[in-house]
């Protein structure tokens, strides 16, 4: 999930977060995964 276009980012983020079943933090990066292990979102410190 990347916030590249304008729109209702809040509702898209909330919809994505409701699907998170696991997460992983690697250094400056956090990854969120669904129940099948698919990457839903990646956040990086910049």
N, C-alpha and C. Protein backbone atom coordinates (compact mmCIF):
# COMPACT_ATOMS: atom_id res chain seq x y z
N UNK A 1 0.85 -1.17 0.00
CA UNK A 1 0.00 0.00 0.00
C UNK A 1 0.89 1.22 0.00
N UNK A 2 0.73 2.07 -0.97
CA UNK A 2 1.48 3.31 -1.04
C UNK A 2 0.50 4.47 -1.15
N UNK A 3 0.80 5.52 -0.46
CA UNK A 3 -0.07 6.70 -0.49
C UNK A 3 0.42 7.65 -1.57
N UNK A 4 0.19 7.28 -2.81
CA UNK A 4 0.68 8.06 -3.93
C UNK A 4 -0.38 8.96 -4.55
N UNK A 5 -1.63 8.61 -4.37
CA UNK A 5 -2.68 9.42 -4.97
C UNK A 5 -3.61 9.96 -3.89
N UNK A 6 -4.26 11.06 -4.22
CA UNK A 6 -5.22 11.62 -3.28
C UNK A 6 -6.45 10.73 -3.24
N UNK A 7 -7.20 10.84 -2.21
CA UNK A 7 -8.41 10.03 -2.06
C UNK A 7 -8.67 9.83 -0.58
N UNK A 8 -9.46 8.85 -0.28
CA UNK A 8 -9.81 8.59 1.10
C UNK A 8 -8.80 7.62 1.70
N UNK A 9 -7.62 8.14 2.00
CA UNK A 9 -6.52 7.32 2.51
C UNK A 9 -6.88 6.74 3.87
N UNK A 10 -7.59 7.50 4.69
CA UNK A 10 -7.96 7.02 6.02
C UNK A 10 -8.76 5.72 5.95
N UNK A 11 -9.78 5.68 5.13
CA UNK A 11 -10.60 4.47 5.06
C UNK A 11 -9.84 3.31 4.42
N UNK A 12 -8.97 3.60 3.45
CA UNK A 12 -8.16 2.54 2.84
C UNK A 12 -7.20 1.95 3.86
N UNK A 13 -6.60 2.79 4.68
CA UNK A 13 -5.68 2.31 5.71
C UNK A 13 -6.43 1.48 6.75
N UNK A 14 -7.57 1.95 7.19
CA UNK A 14 -8.36 1.20 8.18
C UNK A 14 -8.79 -0.15 7.60
N UNK A 15 -9.22 -0.18 6.35
CA UNK A 15 -9.61 -1.45 5.71
C UNK A 15 -8.43 -2.42 5.67
N UNK A 16 -7.25 -1.91 5.34
CA UNK A 16 -6.06 -2.74 5.30
C UNK A 16 -5.70 -3.25 6.69
N UNK A 17 -5.73 -2.37 7.67
CA UNK A 17 -5.36 -2.76 9.04
C UNK A 17 -6.28 -3.83 9.61
N UNK A 18 -7.53 -3.86 9.20
CA UNK A 18 -8.44 -4.89 9.72
C UNK A 18 -8.09 -6.28 9.20
N UNK A 19 -7.29 -6.35 8.13
CA UNK A 19 -6.89 -7.63 7.54
C UNK A 19 -5.57 -8.16 8.10
N UNK A 20 -4.87 -7.35 8.90
CA UNK A 20 -3.55 -7.74 9.40
C UNK A 20 -3.67 -8.89 10.41
N UNK A 21 -2.87 -9.93 10.18
CA UNK A 21 -2.83 -11.07 11.10
C UNK A 21 -1.44 -11.30 11.67
N UNK A 22 -0.42 -10.72 11.03
CA UNK A 22 0.94 -10.82 11.55
C UNK A 22 1.75 -9.64 11.06
N UNK A 23 2.87 -9.42 11.72
CA UNK A 23 3.73 -8.30 11.36
C UNK A 23 5.17 -8.67 11.61
N UNK A 24 6.06 -7.89 11.01
CA UNK A 24 7.49 -8.12 11.16
C UNK A 24 8.20 -6.77 11.12
N UNK A 25 9.13 -6.57 12.03
CA UNK A 25 9.93 -5.35 12.04
C UNK A 25 11.36 -5.74 11.70
N UNK A 26 11.88 -5.10 10.66
CA UNK A 26 13.24 -5.34 10.19
C UNK A 26 13.97 -4.00 10.15
N UNK A 27 14.75 -3.72 11.18
CA UNK A 27 15.47 -2.44 11.22
C UNK A 27 14.51 -1.27 11.23
N UNK A 28 14.54 -0.48 10.16
CA UNK A 28 13.72 0.72 10.04
C UNK A 28 12.41 0.46 9.27
N UNK A 29 12.06 -0.80 9.08
CA UNK A 29 10.90 -1.16 8.27
C UNK A 29 9.94 -2.06 9.05
N UNK A 30 8.64 -1.80 8.90
CA UNK A 30 7.61 -2.65 9.48
C UNK A 30 6.74 -3.16 8.34
N UNK A 31 6.51 -4.47 8.32
CA UNK A 31 5.68 -5.09 7.30
C UNK A 31 4.47 -5.74 7.96
N UNK A 32 3.32 -5.59 7.32
CA UNK A 32 2.06 -6.15 7.82
C UNK A 32 1.57 -7.19 6.83
N UNK A 33 1.12 -8.34 7.35
CA UNK A 33 0.71 -9.48 6.52
C UNK A 33 -0.70 -9.92 6.85
N UNK A 34 -1.38 -10.50 5.84
CA UNK A 34 -2.72 -11.05 6.06
C UNK A 34 -2.62 -12.50 6.54
N UNK A 35 -3.76 -13.18 6.65
CA UNK A 35 -3.79 -14.54 7.19
C UNK A 35 -3.09 -15.56 6.31
N UNK A 36 -2.90 -15.25 5.02
CA UNK A 36 -2.20 -16.15 4.11
C UNK A 36 -0.72 -15.79 3.96
N UNK A 37 -0.27 -14.80 4.72
CA UNK A 37 1.13 -14.40 4.66
C UNK A 37 1.46 -13.43 3.54
N UNK A 38 0.43 -12.88 2.92
CA UNK A 38 0.65 -11.90 1.85
C UNK A 38 0.92 -10.52 2.45
N UNK A 39 1.88 -9.83 1.87
CA UNK A 39 2.24 -8.50 2.33
C UNK A 39 1.11 -7.52 2.03
N UNK A 40 0.62 -6.85 3.06
CA UNK A 40 -0.44 -5.86 2.89
C UNK A 40 0.11 -4.45 2.84
N UNK A 41 1.11 -4.18 3.69
CA UNK A 41 1.65 -2.82 3.78
C UNK A 41 3.07 -2.88 4.29
N UNK A 42 3.84 -1.90 3.88
CA UNK A 42 5.22 -1.76 4.37
C UNK A 42 5.43 -0.29 4.72
N UNK A 43 5.94 -0.06 5.91
CA UNK A 43 6.23 1.29 6.38
C UNK A 43 7.72 1.39 6.62
N UNK A 44 8.32 2.48 6.15
CA UNK A 44 9.75 2.70 6.34
C UNK A 44 10.00 4.08 6.93
N UNK A 45 11.02 4.15 7.77
CA UNK A 45 11.46 5.42 8.31
C UNK A 45 12.29 6.10 7.22
N UNK A 46 12.02 7.36 6.98
CA UNK A 46 12.80 8.12 5.99
C UNK A 46 13.32 9.38 6.59
